[in-house]
Amino acid sequence: MKKILVLAALLWSAAALAQTSVWKIAHVMAQEGSKGVYVLESSDFQGCLDAFCDKFVDNSLTAAIRGSDALPIEHRYRGDDYARVQLKQKDFAEMEARLWTLPSGDRIFVVKIINISEDTVAHIYYFSVGPDKMQRLREPEGMNYSFIYNFKLGGLGRDIEVEMEYRQSDTISILDDGTRVLKKVAPHAISVWVDDPDPSGKTNIRATPGGKIVGRLGDPRPQLEDEEDYGPEDDGPGGNTPEVYNPTNGWWQILGYTIDGLDISEGGWIHWSVIAMSTRNYAGQKLQLHKEPSADSPVVGTITKSDVTVRPMDMSPDGEWVKVKTPYGTGWIETNWLCGNPYTTCA
């Protein structure tokens, strides 16, 4: 009886290990890092796809993209240098693979896999392709998987769309030399809070700078379908402490698809006079306001008190300076001296 129990335990351990190393692709690839080398039987698209899938033979997506019909297929496409499969199941599961040939003749193989039930969130992997092997490459600088919903490899050119859950997409571009660059839709976005002096408590949001009003913050509205986790009462995406960018003639574009439950997927702009930030001179440092966004520019005012509320009016192209209106005058201040959270410090 003891022998049977020991054998059963060993078989269970082996099965658990197989699940960890075969099903959890993201876990395995994280352990492997950029040291992974994959031997190729052929260096074409099929060979690259086989080399990756052979490592995860029991994964439903790797099996489906190679032609298995063991699970219901929602969509499947196969071309000379691109393949995609999506499973028909409750949790979203999709795999894409693409082989890009660069002007130099070098080749980059990219795999995206997302399977909520087996591999949690979307992940993407890059490989340089040689005549008999492919080598894992590092991710682009600045990648942050928070709130990434999907990666889309099927577009034109060598751009990969980074689809976000709560805001507009970023882009990963593969340059001619193979460098992978993350291009954020709003690289210099700043956090602010809504602080409208209008006693009505209503704040207009417009479709374009100074254009049509798409709604008002403070008006009652039904909860949107995608606000199950982040609704008007939360400070997360869609809340009343938005990120803003792209200042234009006194208006800031709101980053995201909602604000306080208001749908702004077709465009949302807010005026500088109804948003606020605070200074981060918590130790009582005196902060100089400059005439232009430069430390060499003349000083037009000095903030002498700590944690002062200011209104952001404009931003320098490099995102390092913000023009603010303060009780001590109006001028430019370095962005790192500002905090966009009304509830806590930005220490």
Protein backbone atom coordinates (compact mmCIF):
# COMPACT_ATOMS: atom_id res chain seq x y z
CA MET A 1 0.00 0.00 0.00
CA LYS A 2 2.87 2.38 0.88
CA LYS A 3 4.45 1.70 -2.52
CA ILE A 4 1.21 2.63 -4.26
CA LEU A 5 0.96 5.86 -2.29
CA VAL A 6 4.58 6.77 -3.04
CA LEU A 7 4.07 6.05 -6.74
CA ALA A 8 0.90 8.14 -6.78
CA ALA A 9 2.72 11.00 -5.11
CA LEU A 10 5.53 10.84 -7.64
CA LEU A 11 3.07 10.81 -10.53
CA TRP A 12 1.22 13.79 -9.04
CA SER A 13 4.48 15.71 -8.60
CA ALA A 14 5.47 14.97 -12.18
CA ALA A 15 2.09 16.15 -13.43
CA ALA A 16 2.32 19.35 -11.39
CA LEU A 17 5.81 20.01 -12.74
CA ALA A 18 4.60 19.41 -16.29
CA GLN A 19 1.80 21.92 -15.79
CA THR A 20 4.22 24.49 -14.45
CA SER A 21 6.78 24.05 -17.22
CA VAL A 22 4.43 23.40 -20.14
CA TRP A 23 1.24 25.34 -19.49
CA LYS A 24 2.66 28.42 -17.83
CA ILE A 25 4.54 29.85 -20.79
CA ALA A 26 4.96 33.24 -19.15
CA HIS A 27 6.54 31.61 -16.09
CA VAL A 28 8.97 29.54 -18.14
CA MET A 29 9.98 32.45 -20.36
CA ALA A 30 10.52 34.68 -17.34
CA GLN A 31 12.85 32.07 -15.85
CA GLU A 32 14.69 31.77 -19.15
CA GLY A 33 15.12 35.50 -19.74
CA SER A 34 17.25 36.48 -22.72
CA LYS A 35 19.39 33.32 -22.46
CA GLY A 36 17.03 31.12 -24.42
CA VAL A 37 18.37 29.50 -27.59
CA TYR A 38 16.08 27.48 -29.88
CA VAL A 39 17.49 25.03 -32.42
CA LEU A 40 15.89 25.32 -35.87
CA GLU A 41 15.28 22.51 -38.30
CA SER A 42 14.62 25.21 -40.90
CA SER A 43 15.04 28.98 -40.59
CA ASP A 44 11.81 29.91 -42.36
CA PHE A 45 8.59 30.95 -40.61
CA GLN A 46 7.43 27.36 -40.11
CA GLY A 47 10.76 26.40 -38.57
CA CYS A 48 10.63 29.30 -36.12
CA LEU A 49 7.05 28.50 -35.17
CA ASP A 50 7.89 24.82 -34.67
CA ALA A 51 10.90 25.64 -32.50
CA PHE A 52 8.77 27.72 -30.15
CA CYS A 53 5.77 25.40 -30.06
CA ASP A 54 7.89 22.28 -29.53
CA LYS A 55 8.82 23.65 -26.13
CA PHE A 56 5.15 23.84 -25.08
CA VAL A 57 3.57 20.85 -26.77
CA ASP A 58 0.70 20.52 -24.28
CA ASN A 59 -0.41 24.14 -24.50
CA SER A 60 -3.80 24.51 -26.20
CA LEU A 61 -2.77 27.56 -28.24
CA THR A 62 0.51 26.16 -29.53
CA ALA A 63 -1.34 23.02 -30.58
CA ALA A 64 -4.13 24.99 -32.26
CA ILE A 65 -1.83 27.29 -34.22
CA ARG A 66 -0.11 24.23 -35.67
CA GLY A 67 -3.41 22.82 -36.90
CA SER A 68 -4.93 20.83 -34.05
CA ASP A 69 -8.72 20.90 -33.78
CA ALA A 70 -8.83 19.31 -30.32
CA LEU A 71 -10.46 22.50 -29.00
CA PRO A 72 -13.09 24.68 -30.73
CA ILE A 73 -11.46 27.32 -32.93
CA GLU A 74 -12.94 30.82 -33.17
CA HIS A 75 -10.53 32.09 -35.85
CA ARG A 76 -7.41 30.69 -37.48
CA TYR A 77 -5.25 32.21 -40.21
CA ARG A 78 -2.01 31.07 -41.76
CA GLY A 79 0.26 32.94 -44.21
CA ASP A 80 3.86 32.74 -45.37
CA ASP A 81 5.20 34.84 -42.50
CA TYR A 82 2.24 35.27 -40.13
CA ALA A 83 -0.16 33.01 -38.23
CA ARG A 84 -2.95 33.63 -35.75
CA VAL A 85 -5.37 31.46 -33.81
CA GLN A 86 -8.14 32.30 -31.36
CA LEU A 87 -9.92 29.68 -29.30
CA LYS A 88 -13.66 29.59 -28.78
CA GLN A 89 -13.94 29.60 -25.01
CA LYS A 90 -15.10 31.73 -22.10
CA ASP A 91 -11.69 33.22 -21.33
CA PHE A 92 -9.91 35.05 -24.15
CA ALA A 93 -7.15 32.95 -25.70
CA GLU A 94 -5.20 34.03 -28.77
CA MET A 95 -1.77 33.40 -30.24
CA GLU A 96 0.03 35.27 -33.02
CA ALA A 97 3.43 34.71 -34.59
CA ARG A 98 5.26 36.74 -37.22
CA LEU A 99 8.62 36.65 -38.98
CA TRP A 100 9.98 40.01 -40.13
CA THR A 101 12.86 40.32 -42.58
CA LEU A 102 14.77 43.58 -42.10
CA PRO A 103 16.44 45.63 -44.88
CA SER A 104 19.81 44.26 -43.73
CA GLY A 105 18.60 40.69 -44.31
CA ASP A 106 18.45 39.97 -40.57
CA ARG A 107 15.22 38.43 -39.31
CA ILE A 108 13.13 38.92 -36.19
CA PHE A 109 10.58 36.33 -35.03
CA VAL A 110 7.89 37.54 -32.64
CA VAL A 111 5.32 35.52 -30.68
CA LYS A 112 2.32 36.89 -28.75
CA ILE A 113 0.34 34.59 -26.51
CA ILE A 114 -2.57 35.35 -24.20
CA ASN A 115 -4.61 32.69 -22.43
CA ILE A 116 -6.41 33.85 -19.32
CA SER A 117 -6.97 30.31 -18.04
CA GLU A 118 -3.45 29.01 -18.71
CA ASP A 119 -1.02 31.93 -18.93
CA THR A 120 -2.87 34.87 -17.37
CA VAL A 121 -2.06 38.16 -19.11
CA ALA A 122 -0.78 38.83 -22.64
CA HIS A 123 2.95 38.40 -23.18
CA ILE A 124 5.19 38.92 -26.18
CA TYR A 125 8.55 37.38 -27.02
CA TYR A 126 11.24 38.36 -29.56
CA PHE A 127 13.92 36.26 -31.23
CA SER A 128 16.73 36.96 -33.67
CA VAL A 129 16.77 34.24 -36.33
CA GLY A 130 19.98 32.67 -37.63
CA PRO A 131 20.52 29.83 -40.10
CA ASP A 132 20.22 27.07 -37.47
CA LYS A 133 18.97 28.68 -34.26
CA MET A 134 17.02 31.60 -32.86
CA GLN A 135 18.10 33.62 -29.84
CA ARG A 136 15.76 35.27 -27.34
CA LEU A 137 15.95 39.08 -27.34
CA ARG A 138 15.23 41.55 -24.58
CA GLU A 139 12.01 43.55 -24.38
CA PRO A 140 11.95 47.23 -25.37
CA GLU A 141 12.91 49.69 -22.66
CA GLY A 142 10.02 51.10 -20.69
CA MET A 143 7.67 48.10 -20.98
CA ASN A 144 5.14 47.89 -18.17
CA TYR A 145 2.53 45.14 -18.33
CA SER A 146 0.05 46.97 -16.07
CA PHE A 147 -3.32 47.21 -17.81
CA ILE A 148 -2.07 45.75 -21.13
CA TYR A 149 -4.96 43.86 -22.68
CA ASN A 150 -3.37 42.51 -25.83
CA PHE A 151 -0.57 42.80 -28.37
CA LYS A 152 -1.53 42.86 -32.06
CA LEU A 153 1.06 41.69 -34.59
CA GLY A 154 -1.17 41.65 -37.64
CA GLY A 155 -0.92 45.28 -38.73
CA LEU A 156 1.00 46.78 -41.61
CA GLY A 157 4.72 47.44 -41.45
CA ARG A 158 6.74 46.45 -38.41
CA ASP A 159 4.54 48.08 -35.78
CA ILE A 160 2.97 46.07 -32.96
CA GLU A 161 -0.07 47.59 -31.30
CA VAL A 162 -0.04 47.49 -27.51
CA GLU A 163 -3.76 47.50 -26.72
CA MET A 164 -4.54 48.86 -23.27
CA GLU A 165 -7.61 48.12 -21.16
CA TYR A 166 -8.42 51.66 -20.12
CA ARG A 167 -6.67 53.99 -22.55
CA GLN A 168 -5.38 54.44 -26.08
CA SER A 169 -2.85 51.99 -27.51
CA ASP A 170 0.93 52.32 -27.45
CA THR A 171 3.12 50.96 -30.26
CA ILE A 172 6.22 48.79 -30.40
CA SER A 173 8.20 49.50 -33.57
CA ILE A 174 10.88 47.19 -34.93
CA LEU A 175 13.44 49.47 -36.57
CA ASP A 176 15.57 48.68 -39.62
CA ASP A 177 18.46 47.55 -37.40
CA GLY A 178 16.21 45.27 -35.34
CA THR A 179 15.96 47.58 -32.33
CA ARG A 180 12.59 47.34 -30.62
CA VAL A 181 11.28 50.72 -29.49
CA LEU A 182 8.22 51.37 -27.34
CA LYS A 183 6.38 54.47 -28.55
CA LYS A 184 3.87 55.63 -25.96
CA VAL A 185 0.76 57.48 -27.08
CA ALA A 186 1.37 59.94 -24.25
CA PRO A 187 4.99 59.72 -23.10
CA HIS A 188 4.72 62.90 -21.03
CA ALA A 189 1.27 62.50 -19.49
CA ILE A 190 0.85 64.00 -16.03
CA SER A 191 -1.63 63.13 -13.28
CA VAL A 192 -3.98 65.87 -12.11
CA TRP A 193 -7.19 66.16 -10.15
CA VAL A 194 -10.37 67.94 -11.14
CA ASP A 195 -10.81 71.14 -9.10
CA ASP A 196 -13.57 73.20 -10.71
CA PRO A 197 -14.34 76.51 -8.93
CA ASP A 198 -17.84 76.52 -10.47
CA PRO A 199 -20.26 76.24 -7.50
CA SER A 200 -22.52 73.95 -9.54
CA GLY A 201 -19.96 71.16 -9.22
CA LYS A 202 -20.29 70.43 -12.95
CA THR A 203 -17.23 70.34 -15.23
CA ASN A 204 -17.52 70.35 -19.00
CA ILE A 205 -15.60 67.76 -21.03
CA ARG A 206 -15.27 68.56 -24.72
CA ALA A 207 -14.65 66.48 -27.84
CA THR A 208 -11.95 68.88 -29.09
CA PRO A 209 -10.15 71.90 -27.57
CA GLY A 210 -12.97 74.37 -26.94
CA GLY A 211 -15.33 72.25 -29.05
CA LYS A 212 -18.54 70.34 -28.51
CA ILE A 213 -19.40 69.34 -24.95
CA VAL A 214 -19.56 65.53 -24.72
CA GLY A 215 -20.67 65.50 -21.09
CA ARG A 216 -20.23 67.01 -17.67
CA LEU A 217 -18.46 65.58 -14.67
CA GLY A 218 -20.84 65.47 -11.75
CA ASP A 219 -23.89 64.57 -13.81
CA PRO A 220 -25.47 61.23 -12.81
CA ARG A 221 -25.00 58.52 -15.40
CA PRO A 222 -25.31 54.72 -15.53
CA GLN A 223 -22.21 52.65 -14.94
CA LEU A 224 -20.48 51.61 -18.14
CA GLU A 225 -19.88 47.93 -18.85
CA ASP A 226 -16.09 48.25 -18.48
CA GLU A 227 -16.37 49.96 -15.08
CA GLU A 228 -16.94 46.79 -13.07
CA ASP A 229 -13.59 47.21 -11.32
CA TYR A 230 -12.89 50.90 -11.90
CA GLY A 231 -15.95 53.09 -11.56
CA PRO A 232 -16.59 56.74 -10.75
CA GLU A 233 -16.06 56.06 -7.05
CA ASP A 234 -12.52 54.75 -7.62
CA ASP A 235 -9.26 56.57 -8.16
CA GLY A 236 -8.13 54.07 -10.80
CA PRO A 237 -8.60 54.32 -14.60
CA GLY A 238 -11.82 56.13 -15.39
CA GLY A 239 -11.88 57.90 -12.03
CA ASN A 240 -11.86 61.61 -11.27
CA THR A 241 -8.05 61.93 -11.10
CA PRO A 242 -7.16 61.65 -14.78
CA GLU A 243 -3.89 61.70 -16.66
CA VAL A 244 -3.67 64.50 -19.21
CA TYR A 245 -1.29 65.25 -22.09
CA ASN A 246 -0.98 67.14 -25.39
CA PRO A 247 -1.73 70.67 -24.10
CA THR A 248 -3.32 72.77 -26.87
CA ASN A 249 -4.33 76.41 -26.45
CA GLY A 250 -5.11 75.99 -22.77
CA TRP A 251 -6.82 72.59 -23.14
CA TRP A 252 -5.46 69.21 -22.07
CA GLN A 253 -6.36 65.91 -23.70
CA ILE A 254 -7.51 63.26 -21.22
CA LEU A 255 -5.72 59.92 -21.44
CA GLY A 256 -8.18 57.04 -21.40
CA TYR A 257 -11.64 55.98 -22.54
CA THR A 258 -13.64 57.22 -19.55
CA ILE A 259 -13.50 59.81 -16.82
CA ASP A 260 -15.86 59.58 -13.85
CA GLY A 261 -18.07 57.23 -15.85
CA LEU A 262 -18.25 59.54 -18.89
CA ASP A 263 -17.41 57.88 -22.22
CA ILE A 264 -14.62 59.87 -23.91
CA SER A 265 -13.50 57.21 -26.37
CA GLU A 266 -14.20 59.66 -29.22
CA GLY A 267 -12.16 62.41 -27.56
CA GLY A 268 -12.07 64.15 -24.21
CA TRP A 269 -10.53 67.55 -23.42
CA ILE A 270 -10.49 69.56 -20.20
CA HIS A 271 -9.45 73.18 -19.56
CA TRP A 272 -6.45 74.07 -17.43
CA SER A 273 -8.57 76.29 -15.16
CA VAL A 274 -10.48 73.31 -13.71
CA ILE A 275 -7.57 70.93 -13.00
CA ALA A 276 -4.94 71.11 -10.29
CA MET A 277 -1.65 69.75 -8.99
CA SER A 278 0.39 70.47 -5.89
CA THR A 279 4.04 71.27 -5.33
CA ARG A 280 6.34 68.65 -3.84
CA ASN A 281 8.45 71.02 -1.71
CA TYR A 282 7.39 69.17 1.41
CA ALA A 283 10.53 70.22 3.26
CA GLY A 284 9.78 73.89 2.65
CA GLN A 285 12.08 74.37 -0.35
CA LYS A 286 11.61 77.62 -2.26
CA LEU A 287 10.63 76.92 -5.87
CA GLN A 288 11.39 79.36 -8.66
CA LEU A 289 9.00 80.09 -11.49
CA HIS A 290 10.74 80.86 -14.78
CA LYS A 291 9.67 82.94 -17.75
CA GLU A 292 10.54 80.12 -20.14
CA PRO A 293 11.00 76.34 -19.64
CA SER A 294 14.69 76.61 -18.72
CA ALA A 295 16.68 77.02 -15.53
CA ASP A 296 18.59 79.82 -17.29
CA SER A 297 15.39 81.77 -17.98
CA PRO A 298 14.56 84.81 -15.82
CA VAL A 299 12.73 84.13 -12.56
CA VAL A 300 9.21 85.60 -12.52
CA GLY A 301 8.05 84.35 -9.12
CA THR A 302 9.03 82.23 -6.11
CA ILE A 303 6.84 79.73 -4.27
CA THR A 304 7.69 80.15 -0.60
CA LYS A 305 5.15 77.81 1.04
CA SER A 306 5.11 74.02 0.84
CA ASP A 307 2.48 71.82 -0.81
CA VAL A 308 0.89 74.66 -2.79
CA THR A 309 -2.02 73.96 -5.18
CA VAL A 310 -1.27 75.11 -8.73
CA ARG A 311 -3.03 74.93 -12.10
CA PRO A 312 -1.07 73.41 -15.02
CA MET A 313 -1.43 75.49 -18.19
CA ASP A 314 1.13 74.08 -20.63
CA MET A 315 4.03 71.65 -20.95
CA SER A 316 7.39 71.77 -22.72
CA PRO A 317 7.81 69.35 -25.67
CA ASP A 318 10.24 67.19 -23.68
CA GLY A 319 7.82 66.95 -20.74
CA GLU A 320 10.39 68.26 -18.26
CA TRP A 321 8.69 71.61 -17.53
CA VAL A 322 5.09 72.63 -16.81
CA LYS A 323 3.72 76.15 -16.96
CA VAL A 324 1.60 76.75 -13.87
CA LYS A 325 -0.59 79.46 -12.42
CA THR A 326 0.05 79.89 -8.70
CA PRO A 327 -0.68 82.41 -5.90
CA TYR A 328 2.95 83.51 -6.43
CA GLY A 329 2.69 84.21 -10.14
CA THR A 330 2.57 82.32 -13.40
CA GLY A 331 5.64 80.63 -14.81
CA TRP A 332 7.46 77.43 -15.70
CA ILE A 333 8.51 74.86 -13.10
CA GLU A 334 10.25 71.49 -13.46
CA THR A 335 7.73 68.64 -13.67
CA ASN A 336 9.41 66.60 -10.94
CA TRP A 337 8.41 69.28 -8.40
CA LEU A 338 4.70 68.61 -9.06
CA CYS A 339 2.29 65.99 -7.68
CA GLY A 340 -1.04 65.04 -9.22
CA ASN A 341 -2.53 63.16 -6.26
CA PRO A 342 -4.83 65.16 -3.97
CA TYR A 343 -4.97 62.47 -1.28
CA THR A 344 -1.32 61.73 -0.58
CA THR A 345 2.16 63.08 -1.18
CA CYS A 346 4.27 62.04 -4.17
CA ALA A 347 7.40 61.38 -2.12
